[in-house]
Amino acid sequence: MGITWILCANGSRARLFEAQPHSDTPQEVADFVNPAGRAHERDLRSDAAGRLHGKAPQSSGGGSVPGASIGEHETERFAESLRAYLERARSEQRFGQLWIVAAPAFLGLLRRNFGKELREMVEFELDRDFTGESPRDVFMHALEARGGEPPIGHRIDAHRP
């Protein structure tokens, strides 16, 4: 299986790490940001785009889920963009398995967005938000949660500082 990718994410940021066999310090592959994930709903709303007058029914303007806030819609779009990136990398065979370390609510959103082929690549999930941690610390937290088991095809010296 070889290379393990670790997606560490929450609704406003996602970091992607690559763990090579025989290494306990993954390298950061990508850093994704969703500024709307931290914004207050009132900051995301604006009526500057136009007001409707008269008796015509108002439209929410597209693909948003009925009743979803603008922030929720942007977080959904963020999860979709992560899925698209991972799907492309999967089809290019850039990783052998995927670990997901994500804030609980965002982990559920990722699960709903992943297609069958991508879900089959997920070897491990951890519902914690470690997006502010170093790559090595994220990896060690995940290893600890797995009971110290390294990814398939990896040997780890967990005692190294």
N, C-alpha and C. Protein backbone atom coordinates (compact mmCIF):
# COMPACT_ATOMS: atom_id res chain seq x y z
N MET A 1 0.82 -1.19 0.00
CA MET A 1 0.00 0.00 0.00
C MET A 1 0.86 1.25 0.00
N GLY A 2 1.95 1.27 0.74
CA GLY A 2 2.91 2.36 0.66
C GLY A 2 2.51 3.65 1.34
N ILE A 3 2.12 4.62 0.55
CA ILE A 3 1.91 5.98 1.04
C ILE A 3 0.54 6.12 1.70
N THR A 4 0.56 6.73 2.89
CA THR A 4 -0.67 7.04 3.61
C THR A 4 -0.85 8.55 3.60
N TRP A 5 -2.03 8.99 3.24
CA TRP A 5 -2.37 10.40 3.36
C TRP A 5 -3.22 10.57 4.60
N ILE A 6 -2.97 11.68 5.31
CA ILE A 6 -3.73 12.01 6.52
C ILE A 6 -4.40 13.35 6.28
N LEU A 7 -5.72 13.34 6.27
CA LEU A 7 -6.49 14.58 6.15
C LEU A 7 -6.86 15.02 7.54
N CYS A 8 -6.39 16.20 7.93
CA CYS A 8 -6.67 16.78 9.24
C CYS A 8 -7.52 18.02 8.98
N ALA A 9 -8.78 18.03 9.43
CA ALA A 9 -9.68 19.07 8.97
C ALA A 9 -10.71 19.49 10.02
N ASN A 10 -11.21 20.71 9.81
CA ASN A 10 -12.40 21.21 10.48
C ASN A 10 -13.15 22.05 9.44
N GLY A 11 -14.17 22.76 9.83
CA GLY A 11 -14.97 23.51 8.86
C GLY A 11 -14.28 24.70 8.23
N SER A 12 -13.16 25.13 8.79
CA SER A 12 -12.49 26.31 8.23
C SER A 12 -11.09 26.03 7.68
N ARG A 13 -10.52 24.88 7.99
CA ARG A 13 -9.18 24.58 7.50
C ARG A 13 -9.01 23.08 7.35
N ALA A 14 -8.24 22.70 6.34
CA ALA A 14 -7.89 21.30 6.15
C ALA A 14 -6.43 21.23 5.74
N ARG A 15 -5.71 20.32 6.36
CA ARG A 15 -4.30 20.09 6.03
C ARG A 15 -4.17 18.64 5.60
N LEU A 16 -3.36 18.44 4.59
CA LEU A 16 -3.17 17.10 4.07
C LEU A 16 -1.70 16.73 4.21
N PHE A 17 -1.45 15.60 4.86
CA PHE A 17 -0.09 15.13 5.11
C PHE A 17 0.14 13.81 4.38
N GLU A 18 1.39 13.58 4.03
CA GLU A 18 1.79 12.33 3.38
C GLU A 18 2.79 11.63 4.28
N ALA A 19 2.45 10.40 4.68
CA ALA A 19 3.33 9.59 5.52
C ALA A 19 3.97 8.52 4.65
N GLN A 20 5.28 8.61 4.51
CA GLN A 20 6.04 7.63 3.74
C GLN A 20 6.37 6.43 4.64
N PRO A 21 6.53 5.25 4.07
CA PRO A 21 6.95 4.10 4.88
C PRO A 21 8.26 4.40 5.61
N HIS A 22 8.39 3.91 6.82
CA HIS A 22 9.58 4.04 7.66
C HIS A 22 9.87 5.47 8.10
N SER A 23 8.85 6.31 8.15
CA SER A 23 9.02 7.68 8.63
C SER A 23 7.92 7.99 9.63
N ASP A 24 8.28 8.69 10.69
CA ASP A 24 7.27 9.08 11.67
C ASP A 24 6.99 10.58 11.62
N THR A 25 7.45 11.24 10.57
CA THR A 25 7.18 12.66 10.39
C THR A 25 6.61 12.87 8.99
N PRO A 26 5.28 12.95 8.89
CA PRO A 26 4.67 13.17 7.58
C PRO A 26 5.02 14.56 7.03
N GLN A 27 4.97 14.67 5.72
CA GLN A 27 5.20 15.94 5.05
C GLN A 27 3.86 16.54 4.66
N GLU A 28 3.73 17.86 4.80
CA GLU A 28 2.49 18.52 4.41
C GLU A 28 2.42 18.61 2.89
N VAL A 29 1.31 18.12 2.33
CA VAL A 29 1.09 18.11 0.90
C VAL A 29 0.30 19.34 0.47
N ALA A 30 -0.69 19.71 1.28
CA ALA A 30 -1.57 20.83 0.92
C ALA A 30 -2.20 21.41 2.18
N ASP A 31 -2.58 22.68 2.08
CA ASP A 31 -3.25 23.40 3.16
C ASP A 31 -4.43 24.13 2.52
N PHE A 32 -5.64 23.79 2.91
CA PHE A 32 -6.85 24.37 2.35
C PHE A 32 -7.51 25.25 3.41
N VAL A 33 -8.06 26.37 2.98
CA VAL A 33 -8.68 27.30 3.92
C VAL A 33 -10.09 27.64 3.45
N ASN A 34 -11.01 27.68 4.40
CA ASN A 34 -12.38 28.10 4.15
C ASN A 34 -12.68 29.26 5.10
N PRO A 35 -12.40 30.51 4.69
CA PRO A 35 -12.61 31.64 5.59
C PRO A 35 -14.04 31.74 6.10
N ALA A 36 -15.00 31.33 5.31
CA ALA A 36 -16.40 31.39 5.73
C ALA A 36 -16.67 30.45 6.90
N GLY A 37 -15.82 29.47 7.10
CA GLY A 37 -16.01 28.52 8.20
C GLY A 37 -15.84 29.14 9.57
N ARG A 38 -15.14 30.27 9.65
CA ARG A 38 -14.95 30.96 10.93
C ARG A 38 -15.76 32.23 11.05
N ALA A 39 -16.35 32.68 9.95
CA ALA A 39 -17.09 33.93 9.95
C ALA A 39 -18.43 33.77 10.66
N HIS A 40 -18.91 34.86 11.21
CA HIS A 40 -20.25 34.88 11.80
C HIS A 40 -21.27 34.99 10.68
N GLU A 41 -22.41 34.41 10.88
CA GLU A 41 -23.46 34.42 9.86
C GLU A 41 -23.80 35.85 9.43
N ARG A 42 -23.84 36.77 10.36
CA ARG A 42 -24.20 38.16 10.02
C ARG A 42 -23.17 38.78 9.09
N ASP A 43 -21.91 38.32 9.17
CA ASP A 43 -20.87 38.85 8.30
C ASP A 43 -20.95 38.27 6.89
N LEU A 44 -21.60 37.12 6.76
CA LEU A 44 -21.71 36.48 5.45
C LEU A 44 -22.92 36.99 4.66
N ARG A 45 -23.89 37.54 5.36
CA ARG A 45 -25.12 38.01 4.71
C ARG A 45 -24.92 39.44 4.21
N SER A 46 -25.53 39.72 3.07
CA SER A 46 -25.49 41.07 2.53
C SER A 46 -26.66 41.23 1.59
N ASP A 47 -27.33 42.36 1.68
CA ASP A 47 -28.41 42.60 0.73
C ASP A 47 -27.94 43.50 -0.40
N ALA A 48 -26.66 43.74 -0.50
CA ALA A 48 -26.12 44.62 -1.53
C ALA A 48 -26.29 44.04 -2.93
N ALA A 49 -26.47 42.76 -3.07
CA ALA A 49 -26.60 42.13 -4.38
C ALA A 49 -27.95 42.43 -5.02
N GLY A 50 -28.86 42.99 -4.28
CA GLY A 50 -30.15 43.35 -4.86
C GLY A 50 -31.29 42.95 -3.97
N ARG A 51 -32.30 43.78 -3.98
CA ARG A 51 -33.49 43.50 -3.19
C ARG A 51 -34.63 43.23 -4.14
N LEU A 52 -35.51 42.35 -3.75
CA LEU A 52 -36.67 42.06 -4.57
C LEU A 52 -37.84 42.90 -4.07
N HIS A 53 -38.52 43.55 -5.01
CA HIS A 53 -39.70 44.33 -4.67
C HIS A 53 -40.88 43.72 -5.40
N GLY A 54 -42.02 43.90 -4.88
CA GLY A 54 -43.21 43.38 -5.55
C GLY A 54 -43.66 42.08 -4.94
N LYS A 55 -44.45 41.34 -5.70
CA LYS A 55 -45.08 40.13 -5.17
C LYS A 55 -44.48 38.85 -5.71
N ALA A 56 -43.36 38.92 -6.42
CA ALA A 56 -42.74 37.71 -6.96
C ALA A 56 -42.12 36.90 -5.83
N PRO A 57 -42.17 35.57 -5.91
CA PRO A 57 -41.56 34.75 -4.87
C PRO A 57 -40.04 34.94 -4.86
N GLN A 58 -39.48 34.93 -3.69
CA GLN A 58 -38.04 35.08 -3.57
C GLN A 58 -37.37 33.73 -3.67
N SER A 59 -36.17 33.72 -4.22
CA SER A 59 -35.42 32.48 -4.40
C SER A 59 -34.15 32.55 -3.57
N SER A 60 -33.73 31.39 -3.07
CA SER A 60 -32.46 31.36 -2.33
C SER A 60 -31.28 31.37 -3.27
N GLY A 61 -31.51 31.20 -4.55
CA GLY A 61 -30.44 31.37 -5.53
C GLY A 61 -29.57 30.16 -5.78
N GLY A 62 -30.12 28.98 -5.84
CA GLY A 62 -29.26 27.91 -6.31
C GLY A 62 -29.27 26.66 -5.49
N GLY A 63 -28.06 26.07 -5.36
CA GLY A 63 -27.91 24.73 -4.85
C GLY A 63 -27.88 24.59 -3.35
N SER A 64 -28.23 25.60 -2.60
CA SER A 64 -28.14 25.44 -1.15
C SER A 64 -29.28 24.58 -0.63
N VAL A 65 -29.04 23.94 0.47
CA VAL A 65 -30.04 23.10 1.11
C VAL A 65 -31.06 24.00 1.78
N PRO A 66 -32.37 23.72 1.60
CA PRO A 66 -33.37 24.55 2.24
C PRO A 66 -33.15 24.59 3.75
N GLY A 67 -33.18 25.78 4.31
CA GLY A 67 -32.99 25.95 5.74
C GLY A 67 -31.54 26.03 6.17
N ALA A 68 -30.61 25.79 5.27
CA ALA A 68 -29.19 25.86 5.62
C ALA A 68 -28.73 27.31 5.62
N SER A 69 -27.90 27.65 6.57
CA SER A 69 -27.35 29.00 6.63
C SER A 69 -26.28 29.15 5.56
N ILE A 70 -25.89 30.37 5.32
CA ILE A 70 -24.83 30.63 4.35
C ILE A 70 -23.54 29.95 4.81
N GLY A 71 -23.24 30.03 6.09
CA GLY A 71 -22.04 29.39 6.62
C GLY A 71 -22.05 27.89 6.43
N GLU A 72 -23.20 27.26 6.67
CA GLU A 72 -23.33 25.82 6.46
C GLU A 72 -23.15 25.46 4.99
N HIS A 73 -23.71 26.29 4.13
CA HIS A 73 -23.56 26.06 2.69
C HIS A 73 -22.09 26.16 2.28
N GLU A 74 -21.39 27.15 2.79
CA GLU A 74 -19.96 27.32 2.45
C GLU A 74 -19.13 26.16 3.00
N THR A 75 -19.47 25.67 4.17
CA THR A 75 -18.76 24.52 4.75
C THR A 75 -19.03 23.27 3.91
N GLU A 76 -20.25 23.13 3.43
CA GLU A 76 -20.58 22.01 2.53
C GLU A 76 -19.75 22.09 1.25
N ARG A 77 -19.64 23.28 0.70
CA ARG A 77 -18.84 23.47 -0.52
C ARG A 77 -17.36 23.17 -0.24
N PHE A 78 -16.89 23.53 0.94
CA PHE A 78 -15.51 23.24 1.33
C PHE A 78 -15.28 21.73 1.36
N ALA A 79 -16.20 20.99 1.97
CA ALA A 79 -16.10 19.53 2.02
C ALA A 79 -16.13 18.94 0.61
N GLU A 80 -16.97 19.50 -0.26
CA GLU A 80 -17.03 19.02 -1.64
C GLU A 80 -15.72 19.26 -2.37
N SER A 81 -15.08 20.41 -2.13
CA SER A 81 -13.81 20.69 -2.80
C SER A 81 -12.71 19.75 -2.30
N LEU A 82 -12.73 19.40 -1.02
CA LEU A 82 -11.78 18.43 -0.48
C LEU A 82 -12.01 17.06 -1.12
N ARG A 83 -13.27 16.66 -1.24
CA ARG A 83 -13.59 15.39 -1.87
C ARG A 83 -13.07 15.37 -3.31
N ALA A 84 -13.28 16.45 -4.05
CA ALA A 84 -12.83 16.50 -5.44
C ALA A 84 -11.31 16.37 -5.52
N TYR A 85 -10.60 17.05 -4.63
CA TYR A 85 -9.13 16.96 -4.61
C TYR A 85 -8.68 15.53 -4.32
N LEU A 86 -9.29 14.92 -3.31
CA LEU A 86 -8.92 13.55 -2.93
C LEU A 86 -9.31 12.54 -4.01
N GLU A 87 -10.45 12.74 -4.65
CA GLU A 87 -10.86 11.84 -5.74
C GLU A 87 -9.85 11.89 -6.88
N ARG A 88 -9.42 13.09 -7.23
CA ARG A 88 -8.44 13.24 -8.30
C ARG A 88 -7.13 12.55 -7.92
N ALA A 89 -6.67 12.76 -6.69
CA ALA A 89 -5.43 12.12 -6.22
C ALA A 89 -5.58 10.60 -6.17
N ARG A 90 -6.77 10.13 -5.78
CA ARG A 90 -7.02 8.68 -5.75
C ARG A 90 -6.92 8.10 -7.15
N SER A 91 -7.54 8.77 -8.11
CA SER A 91 -7.52 8.26 -9.48
C SER A 91 -6.10 8.31 -10.07
N GLU A 92 -5.26 9.20 -9.56
CA GLU A 92 -3.86 9.28 -9.99
C GLU A 92 -2.96 8.35 -9.17
N GLN A 93 -3.56 7.61 -8.23
CA GLN A 93 -2.87 6.66 -7.36
C GLN A 93 -1.72 7.32 -6.59
N ARG A 94 -2.00 8.50 -6.03
CA ARG A 94 -0.99 9.24 -5.27
C ARG A 94 -0.90 8.77 -3.82
N PHE A 95 -1.85 7.97 -3.36
CA PHE A 95 -1.81 7.42 -2.00
C PHE A 95 -2.45 6.04 -2.00
N GLY A 96 -2.07 5.24 -1.00
CA GLY A 96 -2.60 3.89 -0.89
C GLY A 96 -3.73 3.76 0.10
N GLN A 97 -3.69 4.58 1.15
CA GLN A 97 -4.77 4.61 2.12
C GLN A 97 -4.88 6.01 2.69
N LEU A 98 -6.04 6.28 3.27
CA LEU A 98 -6.35 7.61 3.78
C LEU A 98 -6.77 7.51 5.23
N TRP A 99 -6.18 8.36 6.05
CA TRP A 99 -6.63 8.54 7.43
C TRP A 99 -7.31 9.88 7.49
N ILE A 100 -8.40 9.95 8.25
CA ILE A 100 -9.10 11.22 8.42
C ILE A 100 -9.13 11.55 9.91
N VAL A 101 -8.60 12.71 10.25
CA VAL A 101 -8.62 13.25 11.60
C VAL A 101 -9.37 14.57 11.48
N ALA A 102 -10.62 14.60 11.95
CA ALA A 102 -11.44 15.78 11.71
C ALA A 102 -12.36 16.07 12.88
N ALA A 103 -12.71 17.36 13.02
CA ALA A 103 -13.69 17.76 14.02
C ALA A 103 -14.96 16.93 13.78
N PRO A 104 -15.64 16.49 14.85
CA PRO A 104 -16.76 15.56 14.70
C PRO A 104 -17.81 15.95 13.66
N ALA A 105 -18.31 17.18 13.70
CA ALA A 105 -19.35 17.59 12.74
C ALA A 105 -18.82 17.58 11.31
N PHE A 106 -17.57 17.99 11.14
CA PHE A 106 -16.99 18.03 9.80
C PHE A 106 -16.69 16.61 9.30
N LEU A 107 -16.33 15.71 10.21
CA LEU A 107 -16.10 14.31 9.82
C LEU A 107 -17.38 13.73 9.23
N GLY A 108 -18.51 14.01 9.85
CA GLY A 108 -19.78 13.53 9.31
C GLY A 108 -20.07 14.10 7.94
N LEU A 109 -19.75 15.36 7.74
CA LEU A 109 -19.94 16.00 6.44
C LEU A 109 -19.05 15.37 5.38
N LEU A 110 -17.81 15.07 5.74
CA LEU A 110 -16.90 14.40 4.80
C LEU A 110 -17.44 13.02 4.43
N ARG A 111 -17.90 12.28 5.43
CA ARG A 111 -18.44 10.94 5.17
C ARG A 111 -19.58 11.00 4.16
N ARG A 112 -20.46 11.99 4.32
CA ARG A 112 -21.60 12.13 3.40
C ARG A 112 -21.17 12.51 1.99
N ASN A 113 -20.05 13.20 1.86
CA ASN A 113 -19.60 13.68 0.55
C ASN A 113 -18.74 12.68 -0.20
N PHE A 114 -18.09 11.77 0.50
CA PHE A 114 -17.18 10.83 -0.16
C PHE A 114 -17.96 9.80 -0.96
N GLY A 115 -17.46 9.52 -2.15
CA GLY A 115 -18.03 8.46 -2.98
C GLY A 115 -17.52 7.10 -2.51
N LYS A 116 -18.07 6.05 -3.09
CA LYS A 116 -17.74 4.69 -2.68
C LYS A 116 -16.24 4.39 -2.79
N GLU A 117 -15.64 4.75 -3.93
CA GLU A 117 -14.22 4.44 -4.14
C GLU A 117 -13.33 5.14 -3.12
N LEU A 118 -13.66 6.38 -2.82
CA LEU A 118 -12.87 7.13 -1.83
C LEU A 118 -13.08 6.58 -0.43
N ARG A 119 -14.32 6.23 -0.10
CA ARG A 119 -14.60 5.64 1.23
C ARG A 119 -13.81 4.35 1.42
N GLU A 120 -13.64 3.59 0.36
CA GLU A 120 -12.88 2.35 0.45
C GLU A 120 -11.40 2.59 0.75
N MET A 121 -10.90 3.77 0.46
CA MET A 121 -9.50 4.12 0.73
C MET A 121 -9.29 4.52 2.20
N VAL A 122 -10.37 4.87 2.89
CA VAL A 122 -10.27 5.32 4.27
C VAL A 122 -9.99 4.13 5.17
N GLU A 123 -8.80 4.14 5.77
CA GLU A 123 -8.38 3.05 6.65
C GLU A 123 -8.66 3.37 8.12
N PHE A 124 -8.72 4.66 8.43
CA PHE A 124 -8.84 5.05 9.84
C PHE A 124 -9.49 6.42 9.92
N GLU A 125 -10.33 6.62 10.95
CA GLU A 125 -10.94 7.92 11.23
C GLU A 125 -10.79 8.24 12.71
N LEU A 126 -10.57 9.51 13.00
CA LEU A 126 -10.50 10.00 14.38
C LEU A 126 -11.28 11.30 14.44
N ASP A 127 -12.27 11.37 15.32
CA ASP A 127 -13.12 12.56 15.41
C ASP A 127 -12.56 13.57 16.42
N ARG A 128 -11.45 14.16 16.03
CA ARG A 128 -10.78 15.19 16.85
C ARG A 128 -10.28 16.29 15.93
N ASP A 129 -10.18 17.49 16.45
CA ASP A 129 -9.68 18.62 15.67
C ASP A 129 -8.25 18.92 16.08
N PHE A 130 -7.30 18.51 15.25
CA PHE A 130 -5.88 18.76 15.48
C PHE A 130 -5.28 19.63 14.38
N THR A 131 -6.09 20.47 13.74
CA THR A 131 -5.60 21.25 12.61
C THR A 131 -4.48 22.21 12.98
N GLY A 132 -4.36 22.59 14.25
CA GLY A 132 -3.30 23.50 14.68
C GLY A 132 -2.02 22.80 15.12
N GLU A 133 -2.01 21.49 15.08
CA GLU A 133 -0.85 20.71 15.55
C GLU A 133 0.17 20.52 14.43
N SER A 134 1.38 20.15 14.82
CA SER A 134 2.44 19.85 13.84
C SER A 134 2.10 18.53 13.13
N PRO A 135 2.66 18.32 11.94
CA PRO A 135 2.41 17.06 11.23
C PRO A 135 2.75 15.83 12.07
N ARG A 136 3.88 15.87 12.76
CA ARG A 136 4.29 14.73 13.57
C ARG A 136 3.31 14.50 14.73
N ASP A 137 2.86 15.60 15.37
CA ASP A 137 1.91 15.46 16.47
C ASP A 137 0.58 14.88 16.00
N VAL A 138 0.10 15.33 14.84
CA VAL A 138 -1.14 14.76 14.28
C VAL A 138 -0.97 13.26 14.07
N PHE A 139 0.16 12.88 13.49
CA PHE A 139 0.46 11.48 13.22
C PHE A 139 0.50 10.68 14.52
N MET A 140 1.16 11.21 15.53
CA MET A 140 1.28 10.49 16.81
C MET A 140 -0.07 10.38 17.52
N HIS A 141 -0.91 11.43 17.46
CA HIS A 141 -2.25 11.35 18.04
C HIS A 141 -3.06 10.25 17.35
N ALA A 142 -2.94 10.19 16.02
CA ALA A 142 -3.66 9.16 15.27
C ALA A 142 -3.14 7.77 15.61
N LEU A 143 -1.82 7.63 15.70
CA LEU A 143 -1.25 6.33 16.08
C LEU A 143 -1.74 5.89 17.45
N GLU A 144 -1.74 6.82 18.39
CA GLU A 144 -2.20 6.50 19.74
C GLU A 144 -3.66 6.05 19.72
N ALA A 145 -4.50 6.74 18.95
CA ALA A 145 -5.92 6.39 18.86
C ALA A 145 -6.11 5.02 18.20
N ARG A 146 -5.19 4.64 17.34
CA ARG A 146 -5.25 3.33 16.67
C ARG A 146 -4.65 2.24 17.55
N GLY A 147 -4.23 2.57 18.74
CA GLY A 147 -3.60 1.58 19.61
C GLY A 147 -2.14 1.37 19.27
N GLY A 148 -1.50 2.38 18.67
CA GLY A 148 -0.09 2.30 18.34
C GLY A 148 0.21 1.62 17.03
N GLU A 149 -0.82 1.26 16.28
CA GLU A 149 -0.64 0.56 15.01
C GLU A 149 -0.28 1.55 13.90
N PRO A 150 0.87 1.38 13.27
CA PRO A 150 1.22 2.25 12.14
C PRO A 150 0.40 1.88 10.91
N PRO A 151 0.43 2.74 9.88
CA PRO A 151 -0.28 2.41 8.65
C PRO A 151 0.26 1.12 8.04
N ILE A 152 -0.51 0.53 7.17
CA ILE A 152 -0.08 -0.69 6.48
C ILE A 152 1.24 -0.42 5.76
N GLY A 153 2.21 -1.30 5.96
CA GLY A 153 3.50 -1.17 5.29
C GLY A 153 4.46 -0.20 5.95
N HIS A 154 4.13 0.33 7.14
CA HIS A 154 4.97 1.29 7.84
C HIS A 154 5.54 0.68 9.12
N ARG A 155 6.73 1.07 9.46
CA ARG A 155 7.31 0.78 10.77
C ARG A 155 7.66 2.12 11.39
N ILE A 156 7.28 2.33 12.63
CA ILE A 156 7.46 3.62 13.27
C ILE A 156 8.26 3.47 14.55
N ASP A 157 9.22 4.38 14.74
CA ASP A 157 9.94 4.47 16.00
C ASP A 157 9.24 5.54 16.83
N ALA A 158 8.24 5.12 17.60
CA ALA A 158 7.40 6.07 18.35
C ALA A 158 8.15 6.71 19.51
N HIS A 159 9.33 6.25 19.85
CA HIS A 159 10.06 6.81 20.97
C HIS A 159 10.95 7.99 20.58
N ARG A 160 11.06 8.24 19.29
CA ARG A 160 11.89 9.35 18.83
C ARG A 160 11.24 10.68 19.21
N PRO A 161 11.99 11.64 19.72
CA PRO A 161 11.38 12.92 20.14
C PRO A 161 10.90 13.74 18.96
